[in-house]
Amino acid sequence: MIARALVQEKLVACVNILDGAASVYRWQGAVEEAVESVFIAKTTKALSGEVLTRIQELHSYDVPAAVVYDMTGGLPGYLAWIVSETKAS
């Protein structure tokens, strides 16, 4: 499982997995529909590139939907926990 690998490798502190997401998208010229899982991985900005590379290596899709969102803030204790649980610590 990708989420477990990312946590074990200390690339992320936590992954939330949301099963059953309905996706409608265009792929190779056709409109497709699928039920997929969405996951939200918590990491540091410094590790985001390494996380994306690892997702690409582990995922079965040719082009996994992996994006990075900048955090503009959060509870200080939670943000410190993310740092303490990743390689950045």
C-alpha atoms as a PDB file:
ATOM      1  CA  MET A   1       0.000   0.000   0.000  1.00  0.00           C
ATOM      2  CA  ILE A   2       1.373   3.396  -1.000  1.00  0.00           C
ATOM      3  CA  ALA A   3       0.235   5.141   2.181  1.00  0.00           C
ATOM      4  CA  ARG A   4       1.989   2.646   4.444  1.00  0.00           C
ATOM      5  CA  ALA A   5       5.221   2.858   2.439  1.00  0.00           C
ATOM      6  CA  LEU A   6       5.246   6.663   2.633  1.00  0.00           C
ATOM      7  CA  VAL A   7       4.751   6.605   6.411  1.00  0.00           C
ATOM      8  CA  GLN A   8       7.269   3.792   6.997  1.00  0.00           C
ATOM      9  CA  GLU A   9       9.866   5.626   4.904  1.00  0.00           C
ATOM     10  CA  LYS A  10       9.240   8.814   6.942  1.00  0.00           C
ATOM     11  CA  LEU A  11       8.314  10.747   3.814  1.00  0.00           C
ATOM     12  CA  VAL A  12       4.959  11.672   5.345  1.00  0.00           C
ATOM     13  CA  ALA A  13       3.633  11.839   8.893  1.00  0.00           C
ATOM     14  CA  CYS A  14       0.105  10.678   8.085  1.00  0.00           C
ATOM     15  CA  VAL A  15      -2.156   9.673   5.201  1.00  0.00           C
ATOM     16  CA  ASN A  16      -5.945   9.953   5.269  1.00  0.00           C
ATOM     17  CA  ILE A  17      -7.590   7.539   2.818  1.00  0.00           C
ATOM     18  CA  LEU A  18     -11.023   8.433   1.425  1.00  0.00           C
ATOM     19  CA  ASP A  19     -12.486   5.442  -0.416  1.00  0.00           C
ATOM     20  CA  GLY A  20     -15.270   5.535  -2.961  1.00  0.00           C
ATOM     21  CA  ALA A  21     -14.535   8.822  -4.734  1.00  0.00           C
ATOM     22  CA  ALA A  22     -16.410   9.096  -8.018  1.00  0.00           C
ATOM     23  CA  SER A  23     -14.103  10.419 -10.725  1.00  0.00           C
ATOM     24  CA  VAL A  24     -15.046  11.683 -14.190  1.00  0.00           C
ATOM     25  CA  TYR A  25     -12.092  12.607 -16.372  1.00  0.00           C
ATOM     26  CA  ARG A  26     -10.776  12.704 -19.903  1.00  0.00           C
ATOM     27  CA  TRP A  27      -8.040  10.156 -20.641  1.00  0.00           C
ATOM     28  CA  GLN A  28      -6.524   9.485 -24.044  1.00  0.00           C
ATOM     29  CA  GLY A  29      -9.372  11.296 -25.824  1.00  0.00           C
ATOM     30  CA  ALA A  30     -12.269   9.563 -24.056  1.00  0.00           C
ATOM     31  CA  VAL A  31     -14.376  10.594 -21.093  1.00  0.00           C
ATOM     32  CA  GLU A  32     -13.935   7.977 -18.374  1.00  0.00           C
ATOM     33  CA  GLU A  33     -15.628   7.280 -15.053  1.00  0.00           C
ATOM     34  CA  ALA A  34     -14.138   5.367 -12.155  1.00  0.00           C
ATOM     35  CA  VAL A  35     -14.445   4.840  -8.441  1.00  0.00           C
ATOM     36  CA  GLU A  36     -11.114   5.632  -6.844  1.00  0.00           C
ATOM     37  CA  SER A  37      -9.540   6.273  -3.476  1.00  0.00           C
ATOM     38  CA  VAL A  38      -8.278   9.731  -2.623  1.00  0.00           C
ATOM     39  CA  PHE A  39      -5.567  10.166  -0.090  1.00  0.00           C
ATOM     40  CA  ILE A  40      -4.226  13.212   1.647  1.00  0.00           C
ATOM     41  CA  ALA A  41      -0.622  12.923   2.789  1.00  0.00           C
ATOM     42  CA  LYS A  42       0.840  15.304   5.359  1.00  0.00           C
ATOM     43  CA  THR A  43       4.492  16.161   4.863  1.00  0.00           C
ATOM     44  CA  THR A  44       6.899  19.068   4.722  1.00  0.00           C
ATOM     45  CA  LYS A  45       7.493  21.275   1.710  1.00  0.00           C
ATOM     46  CA  ALA A  46      11.106  20.069   1.631  1.00  0.00           C
ATOM     47  CA  LEU A  47       9.973  16.448   1.161  1.00  0.00           C
ATOM     48  CA  SER A  48       7.185  17.075  -1.356  1.00  0.00           C
ATOM     49  CA  GLY A  49       9.317  16.307  -4.424  1.00  0.00           C
ATOM     50  CA  GLU A  50      10.556  13.045  -2.922  1.00  0.00           C
ATOM     51  CA  VAL A  51       6.972  12.096  -2.014  1.00  0.00           C
ATOM     52  CA  LEU A  52       5.794  12.704  -5.590  1.00  0.00           C
ATOM     53  CA  THR A  53       8.659  10.621  -6.976  1.00  0.00           C
ATOM     54  CA  ARG A  54       7.855   7.746  -4.607  1.00  0.00           C
ATOM     55  CA  ILE A  55       4.133   7.866  -5.468  1.00  0.00           C
ATOM     56  CA  GLN A  56       5.029   7.639  -9.162  1.00  0.00           C
ATOM     57  CA  GLU A  57       7.236   4.605  -8.458  1.00  0.00           C
ATOM     58  CA  LEU A  58       4.594   2.771  -6.401  1.00  0.00           C
ATOM     59  CA  HIS A  59       1.335   3.664  -8.185  1.00  0.00           C
ATOM     60  CA  SER A  60      -0.239   1.423 -10.806  1.00  0.00           C
ATOM     61  CA  TYR A  61      -1.423   4.373 -12.947  1.00  0.00           C
ATOM     62  CA  ASP A  62       0.830   5.781 -15.664  1.00  0.00           C
ATOM     63  CA  VAL A  63      -0.086   9.269 -14.449  1.00  0.00           C
ATOM     64  CA  PRO A  64      -1.295   9.236 -10.838  1.00  0.00           C
ATOM     65  CA  ALA A  65      -3.228  12.303  -9.689  1.00  0.00           C
ATOM     66  CA  ALA A  66      -0.639  13.618  -7.262  1.00  0.00           C
ATOM     67  CA  VAL A  67      -0.468  17.337  -6.525  1.00  0.00           C
ATOM     68  CA  VAL A  68       1.105  19.525  -3.858  1.00  0.00           C
ATOM     69  CA  TYR A  69      -0.849  22.167  -1.976  1.00  0.00           C
ATOM     70  CA  ASP A  70       1.054  24.707   0.073  1.00  0.00           C
ATOM     71  CA  MET A  71      -0.083  24.876   3.680  1.00  0.00           C
ATOM     72  CA  THR A  72      -0.620  28.450   4.747  1.00  0.00           C
ATOM     73  CA  GLY A  73      -0.921  27.555   8.398  1.00  0.00           C
ATOM     74  CA  GLY A  74      -2.215  25.149  10.970  1.00  0.00           C
ATOM     75  CA  LEU A  75      -2.166  24.386  14.646  1.00  0.00           C
ATOM     76  CA  PRO A  76       1.465  24.793  15.746  1.00  0.00           C
ATOM     77  CA  GLY A  77       1.480  21.485  17.619  1.00  0.00           C
ATOM     78  CA  TYR A  78       0.187  19.586  14.576  1.00  0.00           C
ATOM     79  CA  LEU A  79       2.689  21.221  12.249  1.00  0.00           C
ATOM     80  CA  ALA A  80       5.499  20.369  14.685  1.00  0.00           C
ATOM     81  CA  TRP A  81       4.263  16.756  14.788  1.00  0.00           C
ATOM     82  CA  ILE A  82       4.495  16.531  10.971  1.00  0.00           C
ATOM     83  CA  VAL A  83       8.100  17.706  11.121  1.00  0.00           C
ATOM     84  CA  SER A  84       8.943  15.309  13.975  1.00  0.00           C
ATOM     85  CA  GLU A  85       7.514  12.295  12.119  1.00  0.00           C
ATOM     86  CA  THR A  86       9.267  12.856   8.787  1.00  0.00           C
ATOM     87  CA  LYS A  87      12.844  12.733   7.561  1.00  0.00           C
ATOM     88  CA  ALA A  88      12.988  16.497   7.998  1.00  0.00           C
ATOM     89  CA  SER A  89      13.383  15.984  11.746  1.00  0.00           C
END
